[in-house]
Amino acid sequence: MTALTKPQPDGTADPSSEHAPGASLHFPVIDWFDEHARDLPWRRPEAGAWGVMVSEFMLQQTPVNRVLPVYEQWLARWPRPADLAAEAPGEAVRAWGRLGYPRRALRLHGAAAAITERHGGDVPADHAQLLALPGIGEYTAAAVASFAYGQRHAVLDTNVRRVFARAVTGVQYPPNATTAAERRLARALLPEDEGTAARWAAASMELGALVCTAKNESCHRCPIAAQCAWRLADKPAHDGPPRRGQTYAGTDRQVRGRLLAVLRETHGPVPQAALDRVWQEPVQRARALDGLVADGLVEPLPGGLYRLPLT
């Protein structure tokens, strides 16, 4: 971890000093992270920027324990972006397995192809170049630049937003969608030192994942509990819009998952009759299949056949 330097050359206070916004949070959270961070493969030096990028795609709305086996198989098969880019997009969908939200597999394949074509197969370090890759938004670009290259960016995932909402804003949960106010707060809380800012990004995310959880938070294990605005206010209950629940059973997502499972398990075209057997309700089944085709996850062929995409 990069050490924090208190004085600036011009004699002014360093923004990561004890007088800066968030400075009282930085040191205890980073120290906690140094002691309690999970040993995850994408955090190891050998993962490289590509390993970090793959993990960020897979971890969106998916817990670590489900990602780990797929991640390891993915990197064993495609250790560099060019290896993935050389395969058909459908192979990425097949290898994605049951992680859910399989459009992420297509987006990752598209990003790998662009990295191969534009950057000689190396994940770019420049934030703007990362953001210009297909399938990569502000969060993923900031995460890769920060976690892979040690740069200073605000990395705002659900866990970080919850930590900031409680510790600084004094509310139980952040808004359903990230707001401009949250982005301003995240930037204000960034340490000025680049390496420390990258460490802070990882540490605040881990704190939200392990301690400041959505339910059953462990305040007794939190390194900043003594200064948490929400805790000091006696944990007022959430009074904003209802939090979105994650439903699955009976939804189009479930139908799509079952249709894709048949296509993943079959190497070659699949007849319509085989897909019809996975879901009894014909209107919902047709809607789900049409959605998969529209999303580029399934390719229709003459004669009522379907397959994972080849191009």
C-alpha atoms as a PDB file:
ATOM      1  CA  MET A   1       0.000   0.000   0.000  1.00  0.00           C
ATOM      2  CA  THR A   2       1.252   3.448  -0.862  1.00  0.00           C
ATOM      3  CA  ALA A   3       1.967   5.522   2.235  1.00  0.00           C
ATOM      4  CA  LEU A   4       0.042   8.742   2.722  1.00  0.00           C
ATOM      5  CA  THR A   5       2.156  11.858   2.688  1.00  0.00           C
ATOM      6  CA  LYS A   6       0.742  14.527   4.977  1.00  0.00           C
ATOM      7  CA  PRO A   7       2.338  17.782   3.792  1.00  0.00           C
ATOM      8  CA  GLN A   8       2.288  19.002   0.195  1.00  0.00           C
ATOM      9  CA  PRO A   9       5.396  20.626  -1.339  1.00  0.00           C
ATOM     10  CA  ASP A  10       3.715  24.017  -1.196  1.00  0.00           C
ATOM     11  CA  GLY A  11       2.946  23.595   2.500  1.00  0.00           C
ATOM     12  CA  THR A  12      -0.807  23.121   2.097  1.00  0.00           C
ATOM     13  CA  ALA A  13      -2.639  20.248   3.717  1.00  0.00           C
ATOM     14  CA  ASP A  14      -2.742  17.014   1.746  1.00  0.00           C
ATOM     15  CA  PRO A  15      -6.382  16.055   1.020  1.00  0.00           C
ATOM     16  CA  SER A  16      -5.636  12.622   2.443  1.00  0.00           C
ATOM     17  CA  SER A  17      -4.489  14.125   5.724  1.00  0.00           C
ATOM     18  CA  GLU A  18      -6.538  14.081   8.862  1.00  0.00           C
ATOM     19  CA  HIS A  19      -8.237  17.344   7.865  1.00  0.00           C
ATOM     20  CA  ALA A  20      -9.429  16.160   4.457  1.00  0.00           C
ATOM     21  CA  PRO A  21     -12.948  14.914   3.706  1.00  0.00           C
ATOM     22  CA  GLY A  22     -13.040  11.218   4.425  1.00  0.00           C
ATOM     23  CA  ALA A  23      -9.529  11.029   5.864  1.00  0.00           C
ATOM     24  CA  SER A  24     -10.830   9.682   9.173  1.00  0.00           C
ATOM     25  CA  LEU A  25     -12.386   6.838   7.178  1.00  0.00           C
ATOM     26  CA  HIS A  26      -9.431   6.025   4.921  1.00  0.00           C
ATOM     27  CA  PHE A  27      -6.905   4.759   7.439  1.00  0.00           C
ATOM     28  CA  PRO A  28      -9.139   2.459   9.522  1.00  0.00           C
ATOM     29  CA  VAL A  29     -10.884   0.985   6.471  1.00  0.00           C
ATOM     30  CA  ILE A  30      -7.628   0.348   4.584  1.00  0.00           C
ATOM     31  CA  ASP A  31      -5.979  -1.095   7.696  1.00  0.00           C
ATOM     32  CA  TRP A  32      -8.983  -3.384   8.162  1.00  0.00           C
ATOM     33  CA  PHE A  33      -8.755  -4.430   4.512  1.00  0.00           C
ATOM     34  CA  ASP A  34      -5.054  -5.238   4.839  1.00  0.00           C
ATOM     35  CA  GLU A  35      -5.938  -7.682   7.611  1.00  0.00           C
ATOM     36  CA  HIS A  36      -9.285  -9.118   6.472  1.00  0.00           C
ATOM     37  CA  ALA A  37      -9.420  -8.974   2.668  1.00  0.00           C
ATOM     38  CA  ARG A  38     -10.420 -12.238   1.026  1.00  0.00           C
ATOM     39  CA  ASP A  39      -7.804 -13.997  -1.072  1.00  0.00           C
ATOM     40  CA  LEU A  40      -9.603 -13.857  -4.400  1.00  0.00           C
ATOM     41  CA  PRO A  41      -7.903 -14.876  -7.653  1.00  0.00           C
ATOM     42  CA  TRP A  42      -8.569 -11.593  -9.414  1.00  0.00           C
ATOM     43  CA  ARG A  43      -6.751  -9.749  -6.632  1.00  0.00           C
ATOM     44  CA  ARG A  44      -3.525 -11.663  -7.178  1.00  0.00           C
ATOM     45  CA  PRO A  45      -0.779 -10.034  -9.273  1.00  0.00           C
ATOM     46  CA  GLU A  46      -0.840 -12.849 -11.816  1.00  0.00           C
ATOM     47  CA  ALA A  47      -4.477 -12.080 -12.675  1.00  0.00           C
ATOM     48  CA  GLY A  48      -3.431  -9.000 -14.605  1.00  0.00           C
ATOM     49  CA  ALA A  49      -5.801  -6.486 -16.109  1.00  0.00           C
ATOM     50  CA  TRP A  50      -7.650  -9.123 -18.143  1.00  0.00           C
ATOM     51  CA  GLY A  51      -8.338 -11.189 -15.020  1.00  0.00           C
ATOM     52  CA  VAL A  52      -9.662  -8.081 -13.294  1.00  0.00           C
ATOM     53  CA  MET A  53     -11.879  -7.246 -16.259  1.00  0.00           C
ATOM     54  CA  VAL A  54     -13.314 -10.760 -16.463  1.00  0.00           C
ATOM     55  CA  SER A  55     -14.091 -10.707 -12.739  1.00  0.00           C
ATOM     56  CA  GLU A  56     -15.850  -7.357 -12.992  1.00  0.00           C
ATOM     57  CA  PHE A  57     -18.135  -8.617 -15.766  1.00  0.00           C
ATOM     58  CA  MET A  58     -18.927 -11.806 -13.859  1.00  0.00           C
ATOM     59  CA  LEU A  59     -19.467 -10.204 -10.462  1.00  0.00           C
ATOM     60  CA  GLN A  60     -22.216  -7.844 -11.635  1.00  0.00           C
ATOM     61  CA  GLN A  61     -25.318  -8.957  -9.692  1.00  0.00           C
ATOM     62  CA  THR A  62     -23.706 -12.332  -8.991  1.00  0.00           C
ATOM     63  CA  PRO A  63     -22.167 -13.498  -5.668  1.00  0.00           C
ATOM     64  CA  VAL A  64     -18.502 -14.429  -5.407  1.00  0.00           C
ATOM     65  CA  ASN A  65     -19.106 -18.100  -4.594  1.00  0.00           C
ATOM     66  CA  ARG A  66     -20.956 -18.590  -7.883  1.00  0.00           C
ATOM     67  CA  VAL A  67     -18.378 -16.685  -9.888  1.00  0.00           C
ATOM     68  CA  LEU A  68     -15.231 -18.443  -8.635  1.00  0.00           C
ATOM     69  CA  PRO A  69     -15.496 -21.780 -10.489  1.00  0.00           C
ATOM     70  CA  VAL A  70     -16.630 -20.171 -13.758  1.00  0.00           C
ATOM     71  CA  TYR A  71     -13.906 -17.516 -13.497  1.00  0.00           C
ATOM     72  CA  GLU A  72     -11.164 -20.089 -13.053  1.00  0.00           C
ATOM     73  CA  GLN A  73     -12.398 -22.198 -15.973  1.00  0.00           C
ATOM     74  CA  TRP A  74     -12.733 -19.086 -18.139  1.00  0.00           C
ATOM     75  CA  LEU A  75      -9.177 -17.878 -17.501  1.00  0.00           C
ATOM     76  CA  ALA A  76      -7.792 -21.373 -18.008  1.00  0.00           C
ATOM     77  CA  ARG A  77      -9.444 -21.513 -21.420  1.00  0.00           C
ATOM     78  CA  TRP A  78      -8.985 -17.870 -22.434  1.00  0.00           C
ATOM     79  CA  PRO A  79      -5.978 -16.448 -20.567  1.00  0.00           C
ATOM     80  CA  ARG A  80      -5.786 -13.413 -22.883  1.00  0.00           C
ATOM     81  CA  PRO A  81      -8.398 -11.314 -24.664  1.00  0.00           C
ATOM     82  CA  ALA A  82      -7.212 -12.570 -28.062  1.00  0.00           C
ATOM     83  CA  ASP A  83      -7.928 -16.158 -27.018  1.00  0.00           C
ATOM     84  CA  LEU A  84     -11.562 -15.303 -26.362  1.00  0.00           C
ATOM     85  CA  ALA A  85     -11.855 -13.074 -29.436  1.00  0.00           C
ATOM     86  CA  ALA A  86     -10.773 -15.999 -31.635  1.00  0.00           C
ATOM     87  CA  GLU A  87     -13.786 -18.062 -30.518  1.00  0.00           C
ATOM     88  CA  ALA A  88     -17.402 -17.708 -31.623  1.00  0.00           C
ATOM     89  CA  PRO A  89     -19.547 -15.501 -29.343  1.00  0.00           C
ATOM     90  CA  GLY A  90     -21.721 -18.536 -28.654  1.00  0.00           C
ATOM     91  CA  GLU A  91     -18.800 -20.250 -26.945  1.00  0.00           C
ATOM     92  CA  ALA A  92     -18.653 -17.369 -24.471  1.00  0.00           C
ATOM     93  CA  VAL A  93     -22.374 -17.830 -23.792  1.00  0.00           C
ATOM     94  CA  ARG A  94     -21.844 -21.582 -23.368  1.00  0.00           C
ATOM     95  CA  ALA A  95     -18.954 -21.121 -20.933  1.00  0.00           C
ATOM     96  CA  TRP A  96     -20.954 -18.532 -18.981  1.00  0.00           C
ATOM     97  CA  GLY A  97     -23.073 -21.414 -17.723  1.00  0.00           C
ATOM     98  CA  ARG A  98     -25.623 -20.480 -15.084  1.00  0.00           C
ATOM     99  CA  LEU A  99     -24.117 -17.206 -13.912  1.00  0.00           C
ATOM    100  CA  GLY A 100     -27.203 -15.390 -15.167  1.00  0.00           C
ATOM    101  CA  TYR A 101     -27.570 -12.222 -17.243  1.00  0.00           C
ATOM    102  CA  PRO A 102     -25.798 -13.930 -20.179  1.00  0.00           C
ATOM    103  CA  ARG A 103     -25.639 -10.758 -22.254  1.00  0.00           C
ATOM    104  CA  ARG A 104     -22.603 -10.056 -20.111  1.00  0.00           C
ATOM    105  CA  ALA A 105     -20.857 -12.943 -21.889  1.00  0.00           C
ATOM    106  CA  LEU A 106     -21.528 -11.366 -25.284  1.00  0.00           C
ATOM    107  CA  ARG A 107     -20.342  -7.990 -24.028  1.00  0.00           C
ATOM    108  CA  LEU A 108     -17.161  -9.481 -22.638  1.00  0.00           C
ATOM    109  CA  HIS A 109     -16.545 -11.226 -25.947  1.00  0.00           C
ATOM    110  CA  GLY A 110     -17.090  -7.919 -27.765  1.00  0.00           C
ATOM    111  CA  ALA A 111     -14.681  -6.153 -25.422  1.00  0.00           C
ATOM    112  CA  ALA A 112     -12.064  -8.874 -25.993  1.00  0.00           C
ATOM    113  CA  ALA A 113     -12.405  -8.480 -29.758  1.00  0.00           C
ATOM    114  CA  ALA A 114     -12.012  -4.693 -29.501  1.00  0.00           C
ATOM    115  CA  ILE A 115      -8.973  -5.029 -27.207  1.00  0.00           C
ATOM    116  CA  THR A 116      -7.397  -7.398 -29.721  1.00  0.00           C
ATOM    117  CA  GLU A 117      -8.111  -5.132 -32.676  1.00  0.00           C
ATOM    118  CA  ARG A 118      -7.412  -1.731 -31.130  1.00  0.00           C
ATOM    119  CA  HIS A 119      -4.818  -2.383 -28.428  1.00  0.00           C
ATOM    120  CA  GLY A 120      -2.753  -5.328 -29.606  1.00  0.00           C
ATOM    121  CA  GLY A 121      -4.440  -7.697 -27.186  1.00  0.00           C
ATOM    122  CA  ASP A 122      -3.546  -5.772 -24.017  1.00  0.00           C
ATOM    123  CA  VAL A 123      -6.259  -4.287 -21.812  1.00  0.00           C
ATOM    124  CA  PRO A 124      -5.697  -0.517 -21.999  1.00  0.00           C
ATOM    125  CA  ALA A 125      -4.762   1.379 -18.866  1.00  0.00           C
ATOM    126  CA  ASP A 126      -6.277   4.657 -20.008  1.00  0.00           C
ATOM    127  CA  HIS A 127      -9.720   5.231 -18.503  1.00  0.00           C
ATOM    128  CA  ALA A 128     -11.121   6.841 -21.659  1.00  0.00           C
ATOM    129  CA  GLN A 129      -9.922   3.925 -23.789  1.00  0.00           C
ATOM    130  CA  LEU A 130     -11.498   1.477 -21.364  1.00  0.00           C
ATOM    131  CA  LEU A 131     -14.759   3.395 -21.484  1.00  0.00           C
ATOM    132  CA  ALA A 132     -14.692   3.290 -25.291  1.00  0.00           C
ATOM    133  CA  LEU A 133     -14.684  -0.522 -25.336  1.00  0.00           C
ATOM    134  CA  PRO A 134     -18.040  -2.140 -26.162  1.00  0.00           C
ATOM    135  CA  GLY A 135     -19.964  -3.358 -23.162  1.00  0.00           C
ATOM    136  CA  ILE A 136     -17.982  -1.297 -20.653  1.00  0.00           C
ATOM    137  CA  GLY A 137     -19.657   1.449 -18.677  1.00  0.00           C
ATOM    138  CA  GLU A 138     -18.406   3.954 -16.138  1.00  0.00           C
ATOM    139  CA  TYR A 139     -18.283   1.484 -13.262  1.00  0.00           C
ATOM    140  CA  THR A 140     -16.304  -1.227 -15.090  1.00  0.00           C
ATOM    141  CA  ALA A 141     -13.877   1.263 -16.624  1.00  0.00           C
ATOM    142  CA  ALA A 142     -13.196   2.802 -13.206  1.00  0.00           C
ATOM    143  CA  ALA A 143     -12.863  -0.619 -11.551  1.00  0.00           C
ATOM    144  CA  VAL A 144     -10.351  -1.934 -14.087  1.00  0.00           C
ATOM    145  CA  ALA A 145      -8.319   1.286 -14.045  1.00  0.00           C
ATOM    146  CA  SER A 146      -8.302   1.262 -10.246  1.00  0.00           C
ATOM    147  CA  PHE A 147      -7.891  -2.414  -9.389  1.00  0.00           C
ATOM    148  CA  ALA A 148      -5.643  -3.428 -12.285  1.00  0.00           C
ATOM    149  CA  TYR A 149      -3.602  -0.276 -12.745  1.00  0.00           C
ATOM    150  CA  GLY A 150      -3.747   1.420  -9.336  1.00  0.00           C
ATOM    151  CA  GLN A 151      -5.319   4.618 -10.636  1.00  0.00           C
ATOM    152  CA  ARG A 152      -7.429   7.170  -8.782  1.00  0.00           C
ATOM    153  CA  HIS A 153     -11.090   6.674  -9.671  1.00  0.00           C
ATOM    154  CA  ALA A 154     -14.357   6.540  -7.753  1.00  0.00           C
ATOM    155  CA  VAL A 155     -15.553   2.935  -7.999  1.00  0.00           C
ATOM    156  CA  LEU A 156     -19.220   2.874  -7.032  1.00  0.00           C
ATOM    157  CA  ASP A 157     -20.825  -0.538  -6.761  1.00  0.00           C
ATOM    158  CA  THR A 158     -23.761  -1.503  -4.552  1.00  0.00           C
ATOM    159  CA  ASN A 159     -21.523  -2.326  -1.586  1.00  0.00           C
ATOM    160  CA  VAL A 160     -19.603   0.957  -1.712  1.00  0.00           C
ATOM    161  CA  ARG A 161     -22.798   2.954  -2.124  1.00  0.00           C
ATOM    162  CA  ARG A 162     -24.258   1.281   0.978  1.00  0.00           C
ATOM    163  CA  VAL A 163     -21.133   2.023   3.055  1.00  0.00           C
ATOM    164  CA  PHE A 164     -21.191   5.678   2.014  1.00  0.00           C
ATOM    165  CA  ALA A 165     -24.943   5.967   2.582  1.00  0.00           C
ATOM    166  CA  ARG A 166     -24.615   4.722   6.137  1.00  0.00           C
ATOM    167  CA  ALA A 167     -21.241   6.053   7.240  1.00  0.00           C
ATOM    168  CA  VAL A 168     -21.516   9.525   5.694  1.00  0.00           C
ATOM    169  CA  THR A 169     -25.096  10.275   4.689  1.00  0.00           C
ATOM    170  CA  GLY A 170     -26.722   8.567   7.684  1.00  0.00           C
ATOM    171  CA  VAL A 171     -29.338   6.512   5.829  1.00  0.00           C
ATOM    172  CA  GLN A 172     -29.796   2.767   5.773  1.00  0.00           C
ATOM    173  CA  TYR A 173     -29.751   2.254   2.021  1.00  0.00           C
ATOM    174  CA  PRO A 174     -28.672   4.268  -1.023  1.00  0.00           C
ATOM    175  CA  PRO A 175     -31.185   5.145  -3.747  1.00  0.00           C
ATOM    176  CA  ASN A 176     -32.211   2.401  -6.165  1.00  0.00           C
ATOM    177  CA  ALA A 177     -30.137   3.992  -8.935  1.00  0.00           C
ATOM    178  CA  THR A 178     -26.835   5.811  -8.540  1.00  0.00           C
ATOM    179  CA  THR A 179     -27.330   9.577  -8.281  1.00  0.00           C
ATOM    180  CA  ALA A 180     -25.169  12.564  -9.145  1.00  0.00           C
ATOM    181  CA  ALA A 181     -24.947  13.332  -5.418  1.00  0.00           C
ATOM    182  CA  GLU A 182     -23.474   9.890  -4.750  1.00  0.00           C
ATOM    183  CA  ARG A 183     -20.882  10.398  -7.474  1.00  0.00           C
ATOM    184  CA  ARG A 184     -19.908  13.772  -6.023  1.00  0.00           C
ATOM    185  CA  LEU A 185     -19.574  12.240  -2.574  1.00  0.00           C
ATOM    186  CA  ALA A 186     -17.448   9.371  -3.873  1.00  0.00           C
ATOM    187  CA  ARG A 187     -15.110  11.806  -5.627  1.00  0.00           C
ATOM    188  CA  ALA A 188     -14.885  13.979  -2.514  1.00  0.00           C
ATOM    189  CA  LEU A 189     -13.934  10.967  -0.411  1.00  0.00           C
ATOM    190  CA  LEU A 190     -11.122   9.822  -2.721  1.00  0.00           C
ATOM    191  CA  PRO A 191      -7.621  10.136  -1.234  1.00  0.00           C
ATOM    192  CA  GLU A 192      -5.403  12.328  -3.386  1.00  0.00           C
ATOM    193  CA  ASP A 193      -2.581   9.805  -3.446  1.00  0.00           C
ATOM    194  CA  GLU A 194      -3.229   7.559  -6.436  1.00  0.00           C
ATOM    195  CA  GLY A 195      -2.154   4.253  -4.899  1.00  0.00           C
ATOM    196  CA  THR A 196      -4.045   4.944  -1.701  1.00  0.00           C
ATOM    197  CA  ALA A 197      -7.152   5.880  -3.663  1.00  0.00           C
ATOM    198  CA  ALA A 198      -7.029   2.513  -5.439  1.00  0.00           C
ATOM    199  CA  ARG A 199      -6.606   0.752  -2.109  1.00  0.00           C
ATOM    200  CA  TRP A 200      -9.500   2.741  -0.632  1.00  0.00           C
ATOM    201  CA  ALA A 201     -11.726   1.718  -3.545  1.00  0.00           C
ATOM    202  CA  ALA A 202     -11.047  -1.973  -2.921  1.00  0.00           C
ATOM    203  CA  ALA A 203     -11.265  -1.641   0.870  1.00  0.00           C
ATOM    204  CA  SER A 204     -14.588   0.211   0.975  1.00  0.00           C
ATOM    205  CA  MET A 205     -16.054  -2.356  -1.430  1.00  0.00           C
ATOM    206  CA  GLU A 206     -14.885  -5.248   0.737  1.00  0.00           C
ATOM    207  CA  LEU A 207     -16.258  -3.577   3.865  1.00  0.00           C
ATOM    208  CA  GLY A 208     -19.694  -3.444   2.256  1.00  0.00           C
ATOM    209  CA  ALA A 209     -19.457  -7.050   1.107  1.00  0.00           C
ATOM    210  CA  LEU A 210     -18.365  -8.543   4.435  1.00  0.00           C
ATOM    211  CA  VAL A 211     -19.400  -6.200   7.263  1.00  0.00           C
ATOM    212  CA  CYS A 212     -21.748  -3.401   6.188  1.00  0.00           C
ATOM    213  CA  THR A 213     -24.078  -5.844   4.480  1.00  0.00           C
ATOM    214  CA  ALA A 214     -27.606  -5.148   3.269  1.00  0.00           C
ATOM    215  CA  LYS A 215     -29.071  -7.285   6.062  1.00  0.00           C
ATOM    216  CA  ASN A 216     -27.663  -8.262   9.453  1.00  0.00           C
ATOM    217  CA  GLU A 217     -24.817  -5.781   9.325  1.00  0.00           C
ATOM    218  CA  SER A 218     -21.937  -6.497  11.728  1.00  0.00           C
ATOM    219  CA  CYS A 219     -21.339  -3.107  13.308  1.00  0.00           C
ATOM    220  CA  HIS A 220     -19.268  -4.688  16.085  1.00  0.00           C
ATOM    221  CA  ARG A 221     -16.693  -5.691  13.451  1.00  0.00           C
ATOM    222  CA  CYS A 222     -16.737  -2.400  11.552  1.00  0.00           C
ATOM    223  CA  PRO A 223     -13.564  -0.285  11.777  1.00  0.00           C
ATOM    224  CA  ILE A 224     -15.535   2.961  11.385  1.00  0.00           C
ATOM    225  CA  ALA A 225     -18.557   2.132  13.559  1.00  0.00           C
ATOM    226  CA  ALA A 226     -17.664   4.880  16.029  1.00  0.00           C
ATOM    227  CA  GLN A 227     -18.092   7.541  13.332  1.00  0.00           C
ATOM    228  CA  CYS A 228     -20.877   5.988  11.261  1.00  0.00           C
ATOM    229  CA  ALA A 229     -23.633   8.598  10.842  1.00  0.00           C
ATOM    230  CA  TRP A 230     -26.382   5.980  10.521  1.00  0.00           C
ATOM    231  CA  ARG A 231     -25.314   4.123  13.648  1.00  0.00           C
ATOM    232  CA  LEU A 232     -24.888   7.347  15.635  1.00  0.00           C
ATOM    233  CA  ALA A 233     -28.453   8.275  14.666  1.00  0.00           C
ATOM    234  CA  ASP A 234     -29.700   4.947  16.124  1.00  0.00           C
ATOM    235  CA  LYS A 235     -30.085   3.368  12.690  1.00  0.00           C
ATOM    236  CA  PRO A 236     -33.221   5.066  11.367  1.00  0.00           C
ATOM    237  CA  ALA A 237     -35.263   2.776   9.132  1.00  0.00           C
ATOM    238  CA  HIS A 238     -35.237   3.239   5.374  1.00  0.00           C
ATOM    239  CA  ASP A 239     -37.924   5.749   4.385  1.00  0.00           C
ATOM    240  CA  GLY A 240     -37.249   6.109   0.655  1.00  0.00           C
ATOM    241  CA  PRO A 241     -38.826   4.268  -2.286  1.00  0.00           C
ATOM    242  CA  PRO A 242     -39.194   0.505  -1.783  1.00  0.00           C
ATOM    243  CA  ARG A 243     -36.017  -1.383  -2.573  1.00  0.00           C
ATOM    244  CA  ARG A 244     -36.219  -3.505  -5.700  1.00  0.00           C
ATOM    245  CA  GLY A 245     -36.467  -7.203  -4.968  1.00  0.00           C
ATOM    246  CA  GLN A 246     -34.789  -9.895  -7.011  1.00  0.00           C
ATOM    247  CA  THR A 247     -37.532 -12.199  -8.291  1.00  0.00           C
ATOM    248  CA  TYR A 248     -36.804 -15.141 -10.556  1.00  0.00           C
ATOM    249  CA  ALA A 249     -39.287 -18.004 -10.326  1.00  0.00           C
ATOM    250  CA  GLY A 250     -41.886 -17.836 -13.078  1.00  0.00           C
ATOM    251  CA  THR A 251     -40.319 -14.823 -14.774  1.00  0.00           C
ATOM    252  CA  ASP A 252     -39.125 -14.455 -18.360  1.00  0.00           C
ATOM    253  CA  ARG A 253     -35.603 -14.597 -16.938  1.00  0.00           C
ATOM    254  CA  GLN A 254     -36.239 -18.136 -15.731  1.00  0.00           C
ATOM    255  CA  VAL A 255     -37.649 -19.162 -19.113  1.00  0.00           C
ATOM    256  CA  ARG A 256     -34.686 -17.615 -20.918  1.00  0.00           C
ATOM    257  CA  GLY A 257     -32.346 -19.486 -18.615  1.00  0.00           C
ATOM    258  CA  ARG A 258     -33.995 -22.809 -19.383  1.00  0.00           C
ATOM    259  CA  LEU A 259     -33.929 -22.185 -23.119  1.00  0.00           C
ATOM    260  CA  LEU A 260     -30.260 -21.252 -23.008  1.00  0.00           C
ATOM    261  CA  ALA A 261     -29.459 -24.332 -20.922  1.00  0.00           C
ATOM    262  CA  VAL A 262     -30.709 -26.567 -23.738  1.00  0.00           C
ATOM    263  CA  LEU A 263     -28.646 -24.658 -26.306  1.00  0.00           C
ATOM    264  CA  ARG A 264     -25.513 -24.687 -24.136  1.00  0.00           C
ATOM    265  CA  GLU A 265     -25.701 -28.409 -23.605  1.00  0.00           C
ATOM    266  CA  THR A 266     -26.126 -29.182 -27.317  1.00  0.00           C
ATOM    267  CA  HIS A 267     -23.257 -28.636 -29.737  1.00  0.00           C
ATOM    268  CA  GLY A 268     -25.118 -27.845 -32.901  1.00  0.00           C
ATOM    269  CA  PRO A 269     -28.572 -26.633 -33.952  1.00  0.00           C
ATOM    270  CA  VAL A 270     -31.524 -27.394 -31.675  1.00  0.00           C
ATOM    271  CA  PRO A 271     -35.024 -27.998 -33.082  1.00  0.00           C
ATOM    272  CA  GLN A 272     -37.947 -25.880 -31.919  1.00  0.00           C
ATOM    273  CA  ALA A 273     -39.583 -28.971 -30.387  1.00  0.00           C
ATOM    274  CA  ALA A 274     -36.689 -29.401 -27.946  1.00  0.00           C
ATOM    275  CA  LEU A 275     -37.065 -25.802 -26.801  1.00  0.00           C
ATOM    276  CA  ASP A 276     -40.836 -26.116 -26.502  1.00  0.00           C
ATOM    277  CA  ARG A 277     -40.402 -28.797 -23.842  1.00  0.00           C
ATOM    278  CA  VAL A 278     -38.648 -26.517 -21.360  1.00  0.00           C
ATOM    279  CA  TRP A 279     -41.678 -24.330 -20.536  1.00  0.00           C
ATOM    280  CA  GLN A 280     -45.356 -25.159 -20.736  1.00  0.00           C
ATOM    281  CA  GLU A 281     -46.840 -21.707 -21.285  1.00  0.00           C
ATOM    282  CA  PRO A 282     -46.423 -21.016 -25.037  1.00  0.00           C
ATOM    283  CA  VAL A 283     -46.840 -17.231 -25.080  1.00  0.00           C
ATOM    284  CA  GLN A 284     -44.241 -16.629 -22.388  1.00  0.00           C
ATOM    285  CA  ARG A 285     -41.910 -19.203 -23.951  1.00  0.00           C
ATOM    286  CA  ALA A 286     -42.158 -17.522 -27.366  1.00  0.00           C
ATOM    287  CA  ARG A 287     -41.608 -14.102 -25.822  1.00  0.00           C
ATOM    288  CA  ALA A 288     -38.510 -15.330 -24.001  1.00  0.00           C
ATOM    289  CA  LEU A 289     -37.101 -16.964 -27.130  1.00  0.00           C
ATOM    290  CA  ASP A 290     -37.775 -13.842 -29.197  1.00  0.00           C
ATOM    291  CA  GLY A 291     -35.966 -11.816 -26.558  1.00  0.00           C
ATOM    292  CA  LEU A 292     -32.926 -14.098 -26.723  1.00  0.00           C
ATOM    293  CA  VAL A 293     -32.830 -13.722 -30.493  1.00  0.00           C
ATOM    294  CA  ALA A 294     -33.198  -9.931 -30.253  1.00  0.00           C
ATOM    295  CA  ASP A 295     -30.348  -9.794 -27.716  1.00  0.00           C
ATOM    296  CA  GLY A 296     -28.057 -11.761 -30.017  1.00  0.00           C
ATOM    297  CA  LEU A 297     -27.827 -14.692 -27.609  1.00  0.00           C
ATOM    298  CA  VAL A 298     -29.600 -17.129 -29.921  1.00  0.00           C
ATOM    299  CA  GLU A 299     -29.388 -17.408 -33.695  1.00  0.00           C
ATOM    300  CA  PRO A 300     -32.458 -18.675 -35.620  1.00  0.00           C
ATOM    301  CA  LEU A 301     -31.823 -20.980 -38.584  1.00  0.00           C
ATOM    302  CA  PRO A 302     -34.040 -22.203 -41.422  1.00  0.00           C
ATOM    303  CA  GLY A 303     -36.264 -25.155 -40.637  1.00  0.00           C
ATOM    304  CA  GLY A 304     -37.159 -24.086 -37.113  1.00  0.00           C
ATOM    305  CA  LEU A 305     -33.651 -24.644 -35.720  1.00  0.00           C
ATOM    306  CA  TYR A 306     -31.751 -22.505 -33.208  1.00  0.00           C
ATOM    307  CA  ARG A 307     -28.132 -22.308 -32.031  1.00  0.00           C
ATOM    308  CA  LEU A 308     -25.798 -20.149 -30.018  1.00  0.00           C
ATOM    309  CA  PRO A 309     -24.329 -17.345 -32.152  1.00  0.00           C
ATOM    310  CA  LEU A 310     -21.304 -17.992 -34.343  1.00  0.00           C
ATOM    311  CA  THR A 311     -20.638 -14.384 -35.291  1.00  0.00           C
END
